[in-house]
Amino acid sequence: MSIYTTPISKLARSDLDELLTDSAVENLRLEFKSEVPKQGETLKKLSSFENTAGCLLVVGAEAVDGKITWLPGFPFEPGYKQRSQVPA
């Protein structure tokens, strides 16, 4: 199953773990952020992604030179009204 075609509500931790297994690299449709970006930055990033071919922004992922290296997750960030959390 492709992570790009799976609805967010249907994503499982195993789908995200597959990014690690495949040593996924950031591209036009995929970006990793180790910390939750500020709201304005998040909206700009998602807007630019959606104006191209859609995207997946993985927050809580550590990357080196755009290549995912770890996926520890992130703590709750107050102030965001909507948040999708993938079950364990």
PDB file of N, CA and C in Angstrom:
ATOM      1  N   MET A   1       0.852  -1.170   0.000  1.00  0.00           N
ATOM      2  CA  MET A   1       0.000   0.000   0.000  1.00  0.00           C
ATOM      3  C   MET A   1       0.902   1.239   0.000  1.00  0.00           C
ATOM      4  N   SER A   2       0.613   2.165  -0.847  1.00  0.00           N
ATOM      5  CA  SER A   2       1.417   3.380  -0.931  1.00  0.00           C
ATOM      6  C   SER A   2       0.990   4.385   0.141  1.00  0.00           C
ATOM      7  N   ILE A   3       1.962   4.925   0.816  1.00  0.00           N
ATOM      8  CA  ILE A   3       1.686   5.922   1.856  1.00  0.00           C
ATOM      9  C   ILE A   3       1.060   7.177   1.246  1.00  0.00           C
ATOM     10  N   TYR A   4       1.302   7.409  -0.043  1.00  0.00           N
ATOM     11  CA  TYR A   4       0.768   8.594  -0.715  1.00  0.00           C
ATOM     12  C   TYR A   4      -0.708   8.451  -1.066  1.00  0.00           C
ATOM     13  N   THR A   5      -1.180   7.241  -1.218  1.00  0.00           N
ATOM     14  CA  THR A   5      -2.571   7.040  -1.626  1.00  0.00           C
ATOM     15  C   THR A   5      -3.473   6.597  -0.484  1.00  0.00           C
ATOM     16  N   THR A   6      -2.893   6.344   0.680  1.00  0.00           N
ATOM     17  CA  THR A   6      -3.674   5.925   1.833  1.00  0.00           C
ATOM     18  C   THR A   6      -4.231   7.151   2.544  1.00  0.00           C
ATOM     19  N   PRO A   7      -5.536   7.182   2.804  1.00  0.00           N
ATOM     20  CA  PRO A   7      -6.092   8.317   3.560  1.00  0.00           C
ATOM     21  C   PRO A   7      -5.443   8.399   4.939  1.00  0.00           C
ATOM     22  N   ILE A   8      -5.242   9.612   5.430  1.00  0.00           N
ATOM     23  CA  ILE A   8      -4.613   9.827   6.737  1.00  0.00           C
ATOM     24  C   ILE A   8      -5.304   9.006   7.821  1.00  0.00           C
ATOM     25  N   SER A   9      -6.623   8.947   7.772  1.00  0.00           N
ATOM     26  CA  SER A   9      -7.366   8.223   8.801  1.00  0.00           C
ATOM     27  C   SER A   9      -7.092   6.721   8.770  1.00  0.00           C
ATOM     28  N   LYS A  10      -6.536   6.226   7.681  1.00  0.00           N
ATOM     29  CA  LYS A  10      -6.258   4.798   7.533  1.00  0.00           C
ATOM     30  C   LYS A  10      -4.778   4.456   7.739  1.00  0.00           C
ATOM     31  N   LEU A  11      -3.919   5.474   7.921  1.00  0.00           N
ATOM     32  CA  LEU A  11      -2.500   5.205   8.120  1.00  0.00           C
ATOM     33  C   LEU A  11      -2.273   4.508   9.453  1.00  0.00           C
ATOM     34  N   ALA A  12      -1.353   3.580   9.462  1.00  0.00           N
ATOM     35  CA  ALA A  12      -0.960   2.880  10.680  1.00  0.00           C
ATOM     36  C   ALA A  12       0.514   3.146  10.937  1.00  0.00           C
ATOM     37  N   ARG A  13       0.950   2.883  12.140  1.00  0.00           N
ATOM     38  CA  ARG A  13       2.368   3.073  12.474  1.00  0.00           C
ATOM     39  C   ARG A  13       3.250   2.279  11.506  1.00  0.00           C
ATOM     40  N   SER A  14       2.788   1.115  11.091  1.00  0.00           N
ATOM     41  CA  SER A  14       3.571   0.292  10.163  1.00  0.00           C
ATOM     42  C   SER A  14       3.806   1.002   8.833  1.00  0.00           C
ATOM     43  N   ASP A  15       2.849   1.835   8.406  1.00  0.00           N
ATOM     44  CA  ASP A  15       3.024   2.600   7.167  1.00  0.00           C
ATOM     45  C   ASP A  15       4.160   3.600   7.320  1.00  0.00           C
ATOM     46  N   LEU A  16       4.236   4.249   8.475  1.00  0.00           N
ATOM     47  CA  LEU A  16       5.311   5.199   8.731  1.00  0.00           C
ATOM     48  C   LEU A  16       6.639   4.473   8.944  1.00  0.00           C
ATOM     49  N   ASP A  17       6.602   3.323   9.617  1.00  0.00           N
ATOM     50  CA  ASP A  17       7.827   2.541   9.808  1.00  0.00           C
ATOM     51  C   ASP A  17       8.413   2.114   8.466  1.00  0.00           C
ATOM     52  N   GLU A  18       7.552   1.936   7.472  1.00  0.00           N
ATOM     53  CA  GLU A  18       8.009   1.574   6.131  1.00  0.00           C
ATOM     54  C   GLU A  18       8.928   2.662   5.556  1.00  0.00           C
ATOM     55  N   LEU A  19       8.684   3.915   5.925  1.00  0.00           N
ATOM     56  CA  LEU A  19       9.562   4.998   5.480  1.00  0.00           C
ATOM     57  C   LEU A  19      10.985   4.751   5.974  1.00  0.00           C
ATOM     58  N   LEU A  20      11.112   4.277   7.223  1.00  0.00           N
ATOM     59  CA  LEU A  20      12.429   3.967   7.776  1.00  0.00           C
ATOM     60  C   LEU A  20      13.046   2.763   7.070  1.00  0.00           C
ATOM     61  N   THR A  21      12.255   1.722   6.905  1.00  0.00           N
ATOM     62  CA  THR A  21      12.739   0.506   6.259  1.00  0.00           C
ATOM     63  C   THR A  21      13.247   0.794   4.851  1.00  0.00           C
ATOM     64  N   ASP A  22      12.528   1.652   4.140  1.00  0.00           N
ATOM     65  CA  ASP A  22      12.889   1.974   2.757  1.00  0.00           C
ATOM     66  C   ASP A  22      13.911   3.105   2.670  1.00  0.00           C
ATOM     67  N   SER A  23      14.352   3.632   3.825  1.00  0.00           N
ATOM     68  CA  SER A  23      15.283   4.773   3.857  1.00  0.00           C
ATOM     69  C   SER A  23      14.773   5.903   2.969  1.00  0.00           C
ATOM     70  N   ALA A  24      13.522   6.279   3.198  1.00  0.00           N
ATOM     71  CA  ALA A  24      12.869   7.310   2.386  1.00  0.00           C
ATOM     72  C   ALA A  24      13.651   8.616   2.399  1.00  0.00           C
ATOM     73  N   VAL A  25      13.604   9.307   1.279  1.00  0.00           N
ATOM     74  CA  VAL A  25      14.289  10.586   1.112  1.00  0.00           C
ATOM     75  C   VAL A  25      13.247  11.647   0.771  1.00  0.00           C
ATOM     76  N   GLU A  26      13.411  12.844   1.336  1.00  0.00           N
ATOM     77  CA  GLU A  26      12.489  13.944   1.026  1.00  0.00           C
ATOM     78  C   GLU A  26      12.453  14.167  -0.485  1.00  0.00           C
ATOM     79  N   ASN A  27      11.271  14.524  -0.950  1.00  0.00           N
ATOM     80  CA  ASN A  27      11.089  14.808  -2.367  1.00  0.00           C
ATOM     81  C   ASN A  27       9.943  15.803  -2.514  1.00  0.00           C
ATOM     82  N   LEU A  28       9.435  15.955  -3.719  1.00  0.00           N
ATOM     83  CA  LEU A  28       8.350  16.924  -3.945  1.00  0.00           C
ATOM     84  C   LEU A  28       7.095  16.620  -3.154  1.00  0.00           C
ATOM     85  N   ARG A  29       6.909  15.362  -2.735  1.00  0.00           N
ATOM     86  CA  ARG A  29       5.689  14.975  -2.040  1.00  0.00           C
ATOM     87  C   ARG A  29       5.911  14.530  -0.601  1.00  0.00           C
ATOM     88  N   LEU A  30       7.150  14.583  -0.121  1.00  0.00           N
ATOM     89  CA  LEU A  30       7.457  14.066   1.202  1.00  0.00           C
ATOM     90  C   LEU A  30       8.467  14.971   1.894  1.00  0.00           C
ATOM     91  N   GLU A  31       8.168  15.329   3.135  1.00  0.00           N
ATOM     92  CA  GLU A  31       9.097  16.157   3.903  1.00  0.00           C
ATOM     93  C   GLU A  31       9.061  15.720   5.355  1.00  0.00           C
ATOM     94  N   PHE A  32      10.231  15.764   5.995  1.00  0.00           N
ATOM     95  CA  PHE A  32      10.369  15.386   7.395  1.00  0.00           C
ATOM     96  C   PHE A  32      10.683  16.614   8.235  1.00  0.00           C
ATOM     97  N   LYS A  33      10.072  16.694   9.393  1.00  0.00           N
ATOM     98  CA  LYS A  33      10.332  17.759  10.361  1.00  0.00           C
ATOM     99  C   LYS A  33      10.529  17.090  11.717  1.00  0.00           C
ATOM    100  N   SER A  34      11.609  17.425  12.408  1.00  0.00           N
ATOM    101  CA  SER A  34      11.855  16.817  13.712  1.00  0.00           C
ATOM    102  C   SER A  34      10.985  17.446  14.797  1.00  0.00           C
ATOM    103  N   GLU A  35      10.581  18.706  14.596  1.00  0.00           N
ATOM    104  CA  GLU A  35       9.738  19.401  15.564  1.00  0.00           C
ATOM    105  C   GLU A  35       8.504  19.961  14.861  1.00  0.00           C
ATOM    106  N   VAL A  36       7.489  20.214  15.632  1.00  0.00           N
ATOM    107  CA  VAL A  36       6.273  20.809  15.082  1.00  0.00           C
ATOM    108  C   VAL A  36       6.600  22.240  14.666  1.00  0.00           C
ATOM    109  N   PRO A  37       6.443  22.567  13.378  1.00  0.00           N
ATOM    110  CA  PRO A  37       6.714  23.944  12.937  1.00  0.00           C
ATOM    111  C   PRO A  37       5.691  24.915  13.513  1.00  0.00           C
ATOM    112  N   LYS A  38       6.040  26.168  13.551  1.00  0.00           N
ATOM    113  CA  LYS A  38       5.086  27.199  13.974  1.00  0.00           C
ATOM    114  C   LYS A  38       3.892  27.152  13.024  1.00  0.00           C
ATOM    115  N   GLN A  39       2.728  27.568  13.504  1.00  0.00           N
ATOM    116  CA  GLN A  39       1.504  27.457  12.712  1.00  0.00           C
ATOM    117  C   GLN A  39       1.624  28.106  11.341  1.00  0.00           C
ATOM    118  N   GLY A  40       2.166  29.319  11.268  1.00  0.00           N
ATOM    119  CA  GLY A  40       2.294  30.001   9.980  1.00  0.00           C
ATOM    120  C   GLY A  40       3.174  29.235   9.015  1.00  0.00           C
ATOM    121  N   GLU A  41       4.276  28.678   9.515  1.00  0.00           N
ATOM    122  CA  GLU A  41       5.178  27.895   8.670  1.00  0.00           C
ATOM    123  C   GLU A  41       4.485  26.635   8.170  1.00  0.00           C
ATOM    124  N   THR A  42       3.729  25.985   9.045  1.00  0.00           N
ATOM    125  CA  THR A  42       3.020  24.766   8.671  1.00  0.00           C
ATOM    126  C   THR A  42       2.013  25.051   7.558  1.00  0.00           C
ATOM    127  N   LEU A  43       1.239  26.113   7.721  1.00  0.00           N
ATOM    128  CA  LEU A  43       0.238  26.442   6.702  1.00  0.00           C
ATOM    129  C   LEU A  43       0.883  26.753   5.362  1.00  0.00           C
ATOM    130  N   LYS A  44       1.988  27.500   5.362  1.00  0.00           N
ATOM    131  CA  LYS A  44       2.689  27.815   4.114  1.00  0.00           C
ATOM    132  C   LYS A  44       3.204  26.550   3.449  1.00  0.00           C
ATOM    133  N   LYS A  45       3.821  25.664   4.236  1.00  0.00           N
ATOM    134  CA  LYS A  45       4.378  24.429   3.697  1.00  0.00           C
ATOM    135  C   LYS A  45       3.292  23.539   3.111  1.00  0.00           C
ATOM    136  N   LEU A  46       2.217  23.326   3.858  1.00  0.00           N
ATOM    137  CA  LEU A  46       1.135  22.471   3.371  1.00  0.00           C
ATOM    138  C   LEU A  46       0.446  23.072   2.159  1.00  0.00           C
ATOM    139  N   SER A  47       0.294  24.385   2.153  1.00  0.00           N
ATOM    140  CA  SER A  47      -0.311  25.053   1.011  1.00  0.00           C
ATOM    141  C   SER A  47       0.532  24.866  -0.241  1.00  0.00           C
ATOM    142  N   SER A  48       1.835  25.010  -0.112  1.00  0.00           N
ATOM    143  CA  SER A  48       2.689  24.846  -1.283  1.00  0.00           C
ATOM    144  C   SER A  48       2.685  23.399  -1.757  1.00  0.00           C
ATOM    145  N   PHE A  49       2.650  22.445  -0.827  1.00  0.00           N
ATOM    146  CA  PHE A  49       2.560  21.038  -1.211  1.00  0.00           C
ATOM    147  C   PHE A  49       1.262  20.769  -1.970  1.00  0.00           C
ATOM    148  N   GLU A  50       0.155  21.242  -1.436  1.00  0.00           N
ATOM    149  CA  GLU A  50      -1.141  20.979  -2.050  1.00  0.00           C
ATOM    150  C   GLU A  50      -1.289  21.640  -3.416  1.00  0.00           C
ATOM    151  N   ASN A  51      -0.550  22.700  -3.650  1.00  0.00           N
ATOM    152  CA  ASN A  51      -0.603  23.353  -4.953  1.00  0.00           C
ATOM    153  C   ASN A  51       0.226  22.618  -5.996  1.00  0.00           C
ATOM    154  N   THR A  52       0.917  21.575  -5.603  1.00  0.00           N
ATOM    155  CA  THR A  52       1.670  20.763  -6.564  1.00  0.00           C
ATOM    156  C   THR A  52       0.948  19.442  -6.739  1.00  0.00           C
ATOM    157  N   ALA A  53       1.423  18.400  -6.081  1.00  0.00           N
ATOM    158  CA  ALA A  53       0.832  17.074  -6.302  1.00  0.00           C
ATOM    159  C   ALA A  53       0.343  16.420  -5.022  1.00  0.00           C
ATOM    160  N   GLY A  54       0.077  17.208  -3.986  1.00  0.00           N
ATOM    161  CA  GLY A  54      -0.280  16.626  -2.705  1.00  0.00           C
ATOM    162  C   GLY A  54       0.982  16.261  -1.962  1.00  0.00           C
ATOM    163  N   CYS A  55       0.855  15.927  -0.679  1.00  0.00           N
ATOM    164  CA  CYS A  55       2.077  15.711   0.086  1.00  0.00           C
ATOM    165  C   CYS A  55       1.848  14.877   1.324  1.00  0.00           C
ATOM    166  N   LEU A  56       2.974  14.588   1.954  1.00  0.00           N
ATOM    167  CA  LEU A  56       2.970  13.973   3.268  1.00  0.00           C
ATOM    168  C   LEU A  56       4.059  14.671   4.065  1.00  0.00           C
ATOM    169  N   LEU A  57       3.664  15.362   5.112  1.00  0.00           N
ATOM    170  CA  LEU A  57       4.596  16.044   6.004  1.00  0.00           C
ATOM    171  C   LEU A  57       4.660  15.215   7.274  1.00  0.00           C
ATOM    172  N   VAL A  58       5.811  14.595   7.530  1.00  0.00           N
ATOM    173  CA  VAL A  58       5.970  13.721   8.683  1.00  0.00           C
ATOM    174  C   VAL A  58       6.668  14.509   9.788  1.00  0.00           C
ATOM    175  N   VAL A  59       5.896  14.864  10.813  1.00  0.00           N
ATOM    176  CA  VAL A  59       6.425  15.634  11.940  1.00  0.00           C
ATOM    177  C   VAL A  59       6.858  14.648  13.016  1.00  0.00           C
ATOM    178  N   GLY A  60       8.046  14.883  13.553  1.00  0.00           N
ATOM    179  CA  GLY A  60       8.587  13.991  14.562  1.00  0.00           C
ATOM    180  C   GLY A  60       9.625  13.054  13.983  1.00  0.00           C
ATOM    181  N   ALA A  61       9.926  13.213  12.695  1.00  0.00           N
ATOM    182  CA  ALA A  61      10.923  12.371  12.033  1.00  0.00           C
ATOM    183  C   ALA A  61      12.255  13.095  11.986  1.00  0.00           C
ATOM    184  N   GLU A  62      13.303  12.398  12.315  1.00  0.00           N
ATOM    185  CA  GLU A  62      14.636  12.965  12.198  1.00  0.00           C
ATOM    186  C   GLU A  62      15.210  12.559  10.848  1.00  0.00           C
ATOM    187  N   ALA A  63      15.895  13.496  10.201  1.00  0.00           N
ATOM    188  CA  ALA A  63      16.466  13.228   8.886  1.00  0.00           C
ATOM    189  C   ALA A  63      17.846  13.868   8.791  1.00  0.00           C
ATOM    190  N   VAL A  64      18.697  13.266   7.997  1.00  0.00           N
ATOM    191  CA  VAL A  64      20.019  13.800   7.696  1.00  0.00           C
ATOM    192  C   VAL A  64      20.114  13.905   6.181  1.00  0.00           C
ATOM    193  N   ASP A  65      20.389  15.104   5.695  1.00  0.00           N
ATOM    194  CA  ASP A  65      20.448  15.362   4.248  1.00  0.00           C
ATOM    195  C   ASP A  65      19.184  14.889   3.541  1.00  0.00           C
ATOM    196  N   GLY A  66      18.033  15.067   4.208  1.00  0.00           N
ATOM    197  CA  GLY A  66      16.751  14.728   3.609  1.00  0.00           C
ATOM    198  C   GLY A  66      16.379  13.261   3.681  1.00  0.00           C
ATOM    199  N   LYS A  67      17.231  12.412   4.271  1.00  0.00           N
ATOM    200  CA  LYS A  67      16.966  10.976   4.372  1.00  0.00           C
ATOM    201  C   LYS A  67      16.544  10.651   5.800  1.00  0.00           C
ATOM    202  N   ILE A  68      15.390  10.020   5.949  1.00  0.00           N
ATOM    203  CA  ILE A  68      14.877   9.706   7.284  1.00  0.00           C
ATOM    204  C   ILE A  68      15.848   8.789   8.015  1.00  0.00           C
ATOM    205  N   THR A  69      16.092   9.114   9.298  1.00  0.00           N
ATOM    206  CA  THR A  69      17.002   8.311  10.107  1.00  0.00           C
ATOM    207  C   THR A  69      16.338   7.752  11.363  1.00  0.00           C
ATOM    208  N   TRP A  70      15.259   8.377  11.804  1.00  0.00           N
ATOM    209  CA  TRP A  70      14.592   7.944  13.036  1.00  0.00           C
ATOM    210  C   TRP A  70      13.199   8.535  13.075  1.00  0.00           C
ATOM    211  N   LEU A  71      12.279   7.868  13.739  1.00  0.00           N
ATOM    212  CA  LEU A  71      10.906   8.336  13.831  1.00  0.00           C
ATOM    213  C   LEU A  71      10.410   8.191  15.263  1.00  0.00           C
ATOM    214  N   PRO A  72      10.926   9.052  16.176  1.00  0.00           N
ATOM    215  CA  PRO A  72      10.531   8.944  17.575  1.00  0.00           C
ATOM    216  C   PRO A  72       9.170   9.551  17.894  1.00  0.00           C
ATOM    217  N   GLY A  73       8.640  10.395  17.015  1.00  0.00           N
ATOM    218  CA  GLY A  73       7.384  11.063  17.300  1.00  0.00           C
ATOM    219  C   GLY A  73       7.622  12.416  17.930  1.00  0.00           C
ATOM    220  N   PHE A  74       6.580  13.014  18.493  1.00  0.00           N
ATOM    221  CA  PHE A  74       6.698  14.350  19.078  1.00  0.00           C
ATOM    222  C   PHE A  74       5.685  14.501  20.203  1.00  0.00           C
ATOM    223  N   PRO A  75       5.966  15.392  21.141  1.00  0.00           N
ATOM    224  CA  PRO A  75       5.024  15.628  22.238  1.00  0.00           C
ATOM    225  C   PRO A  75       3.856  16.497  21.769  1.00  0.00           C
ATOM    226  N   PHE A  76       2.812  16.500  22.546  1.00  0.00           N
ATOM    227  CA  PHE A  76       1.645  17.338  22.249  1.00  0.00           C
ATOM    228  C   PHE A  76       2.066  18.790  22.113  1.00  0.00           C
ATOM    229  N   GLU A  77       1.552  19.460  21.122  1.00  0.00           N
ATOM    230  CA  GLU A  77       1.869  20.871  20.864  1.00  0.00           C
ATOM    231  C   GLU A  77       0.576  21.677  20.990  1.00  0.00           C
ATOM    232  N   PRO A  78       0.411  22.452  22.058  1.00  0.00           N
ATOM    233  CA  PRO A  78      -0.822  23.222  22.228  1.00  0.00           C
ATOM    234  C   PRO A  78      -0.963  24.298  21.154  1.00  0.00           C
ATOM    235  N   GLY A  79      -2.190  24.618  20.826  1.00  0.00           N
ATOM    236  CA  GLY A  79      -2.446  25.696  19.874  1.00  0.00           C
ATOM    237  C   GLY A  79      -2.841  25.208  18.486  1.00  0.00           C
ATOM    238  N   TYR A  80      -2.662  23.925  18.209  1.00  0.00           N
ATOM    239  CA  TYR A  80      -3.093  23.386  16.915  1.00  0.00           C
ATOM    240  C   TYR A  80      -4.498  22.839  17.087  1.00  0.00           C
ATOM    241  N   LYS A  81      -5.427  23.278  16.269  1.00  0.00           N
ATOM    242  CA  LYS A  81      -6.810  22.860  16.410  1.00  0.00           C
ATOM    243  C   LYS A  81      -7.055  21.455  15.878  1.00  0.00           C
ATOM    244  N   GLN A  82      -6.330  21.077  14.823  1.00  0.00           N
ATOM    245  CA  GLN A  82      -6.510  19.750  14.255  1.00  0.00           C
ATOM    246  C   GLN A  82      -5.189  19.014  14.315  1.00  0.00           C
ATOM    247  N   ARG A  83      -5.258  17.754  14.608  1.00  0.00           N
ATOM    248  CA  ARG A  83      -4.049  16.960  14.723  1.00  0.00           C
ATOM    249  C   ARG A  83      -4.420  15.518  14.389  1.00  0.00           C
ATOM    250  N   SER A  84      -3.652  14.918  13.512  1.00  0.00           N
ATOM    251  CA  SER A  84      -3.860  13.512  13.192  1.00  0.00           C
ATOM    252  C   SER A  84      -2.762  12.727  13.874  1.00  0.00           C
ATOM    253  N   GLN A  85      -3.118  11.756  14.662  1.00  0.00           N
ATOM    254  CA  GLN A  85      -2.116  10.924  15.316  1.00  0.00           C
ATOM    255  C   GLN A  85      -2.306   9.501  14.837  1.00  0.00           C
ATOM    256  N   VAL A  86      -1.221   8.897  14.427  1.00  0.00           N
ATOM    257  CA  VAL A  86      -1.261   7.522  13.941  1.00  0.00           C
ATOM    258  C   VAL A  86      -1.180   6.595  15.144  1.00  0.00           C
ATOM    259  N   PRO A  87      -2.091   5.625  15.228  1.00  0.00           N
ATOM    260  CA  PRO A  87      -2.069   4.708  16.365  1.00  0.00           C
ATOM    261  C   PRO A  87      -0.805   3.868  16.380  1.00  0.00           C
ATOM    262  N   ALA A  88      -0.422   3.417  17.568  1.00  0.00           N
ATOM    263  CA  ALA A  88       0.787   2.577  17.730  1.00  0.00           C
ATOM    264  C   ALA A  88       0.587   1.207  17.141  1.00  0.00           C
TER     265      ALA A  88
END
